[in-house]
Amino acid sequence: MDPAIPKDLVNSYGTGGHDEGFDVDLPVEPVLACGRAFTSLLREQLPPGHDSWAC
């Protein structure tokens, strides 16, 4: 089983004002991938083809 963020922990932070919550633990890898991408943007390490992104 892959590491996961417990649903109770995630739900304790709220879900953007909605009454819905997570009913399963969240896999860690997608969260880490998003964090790595965000860190790359902060470091101005943009991927090839970024010049075609809409501004």
C-alpha atoms as a PDB file:
ATOM      1  CA  MET A   1       0.000   0.000   0.000  1.00  0.00           C
ATOM      2  CA  ASP A   2       1.324   3.445  -0.948  1.00  0.00           C
ATOM      3  CA  PRO A   3       1.600   6.181   1.676  1.00  0.00           C
ATOM      4  CA  ALA A   4      -1.521   8.258   2.137  1.00  0.00           C
ATOM      5  CA  ILE A   5      -2.690  11.366   3.952  1.00  0.00           C
ATOM      6  CA  PRO A   6      -5.437  10.344   6.403  1.00  0.00           C
ATOM      7  CA  LYS A   7      -8.851  11.602   5.325  1.00  0.00           C
ATOM      8  CA  ASP A   8      -9.608  12.761   8.873  1.00  0.00           C
ATOM      9  CA  LEU A   9      -6.579  15.057   8.796  1.00  0.00           C
ATOM     10  CA  VAL A  10      -7.485  16.499   5.395  1.00  0.00           C
ATOM     11  CA  ASN A  11     -11.112  16.992   6.380  1.00  0.00           C
ATOM     12  CA  SER A  12     -10.044  18.781   9.574  1.00  0.00           C
ATOM     13  CA  TYR A  13      -8.763  21.632   7.357  1.00  0.00           C
ATOM     14  CA  GLY A  14     -12.125  22.016   5.619  1.00  0.00           C
ATOM     15  CA  THR A  15     -12.942  21.596   1.969  1.00  0.00           C
ATOM     16  CA  GLY A  16     -13.305  25.159   0.743  1.00  0.00           C
ATOM     17  CA  GLY A  17     -16.580  25.869   2.477  1.00  0.00           C
ATOM     18  CA  HIS A  18     -18.461  22.895   1.072  1.00  0.00           C
ATOM     19  CA  ASP A  19     -20.280  20.351   3.204  1.00  0.00           C
ATOM     20  CA  GLU A  20     -18.580  17.527   1.338  1.00  0.00           C
ATOM     21  CA  GLY A  21     -15.455  15.872   2.651  1.00  0.00           C
ATOM     22  CA  PHE A  22     -13.068  13.176   1.567  1.00  0.00           C
ATOM     23  CA  ASP A  23     -14.242   9.639   2.283  1.00  0.00           C
ATOM     24  CA  VAL A  24     -10.901   7.928   1.564  1.00  0.00           C
ATOM     25  CA  ASP A  25      -7.294   8.626   2.492  1.00  0.00           C
ATOM     26  CA  LEU A  26      -5.521  10.730  -0.134  1.00  0.00           C
ATOM     27  CA  PRO A  27      -2.542   9.254  -2.012  1.00  0.00           C
ATOM     28  CA  VAL A  28       0.682  11.145  -1.351  1.00  0.00           C
ATOM     29  CA  GLU A  29       2.258  10.997  -4.822  1.00  0.00           C
ATOM     30  CA  PRO A  30      -0.132  13.449  -6.604  1.00  0.00           C
ATOM     31  CA  VAL A  31       0.330  15.961  -3.780  1.00  0.00           C
ATOM     32  CA  LEU A  32       4.113  15.615  -3.983  1.00  0.00           C
ATOM     33  CA  ALA A  33       4.055  15.970  -7.787  1.00  0.00           C
ATOM     34  CA  CYS A  34       2.076  19.195  -7.489  1.00  0.00           C
ATOM     35  CA  GLY A  35       4.499  20.486  -4.861  1.00  0.00           C
ATOM     36  CA  ARG A  36       7.499  19.678  -7.054  1.00  0.00           C
ATOM     37  CA  ALA A  37       5.908  21.479 -10.016  1.00  0.00           C
ATOM     38  CA  PHE A  38       5.135  24.529  -7.889  1.00  0.00           C
ATOM     39  CA  THR A  39       8.694  24.594  -6.529  1.00  0.00           C
ATOM     40  CA  SER A  40      10.043  24.477 -10.087  1.00  0.00           C
ATOM     41  CA  LEU A  41       7.896  27.470 -11.021  1.00  0.00           C
ATOM     42  CA  LEU A  42       9.157  29.420  -8.016  1.00  0.00           C
ATOM     43  CA  ARG A  43      12.713  28.668  -9.100  1.00  0.00           C
ATOM     44  CA  GLU A  44      11.834  29.790 -12.644  1.00  0.00           C
ATOM     45  CA  GLN A  45      12.637  26.316 -13.959  1.00  0.00           C
ATOM     46  CA  LEU A  46       9.875  26.250 -16.542  1.00  0.00           C
ATOM     47  CA  PRO A  47       9.336  23.178 -18.723  1.00  0.00           C
ATOM     48  CA  PRO A  48       9.998  23.170 -22.470  1.00  0.00           C
ATOM     49  CA  GLY A  49       7.116  24.716 -24.394  1.00  0.00           C
ATOM     50  CA  HIS A  50       6.117  27.092 -21.599  1.00  0.00           C
ATOM     51  CA  ASP A  51       6.306  30.036 -24.015  1.00  0.00           C
ATOM     52  CA  SER A  52       3.059  28.834 -25.594  1.00  0.00           C
ATOM     53  CA  TRP A  53       1.141  29.100 -22.310  1.00  0.00           C
ATOM     54  CA  ALA A  54      -1.596  31.714 -22.186  1.00  0.00           C
ATOM     55  CA  CYS A  55      -0.789  34.744 -20.060  1.00  0.00           C
END
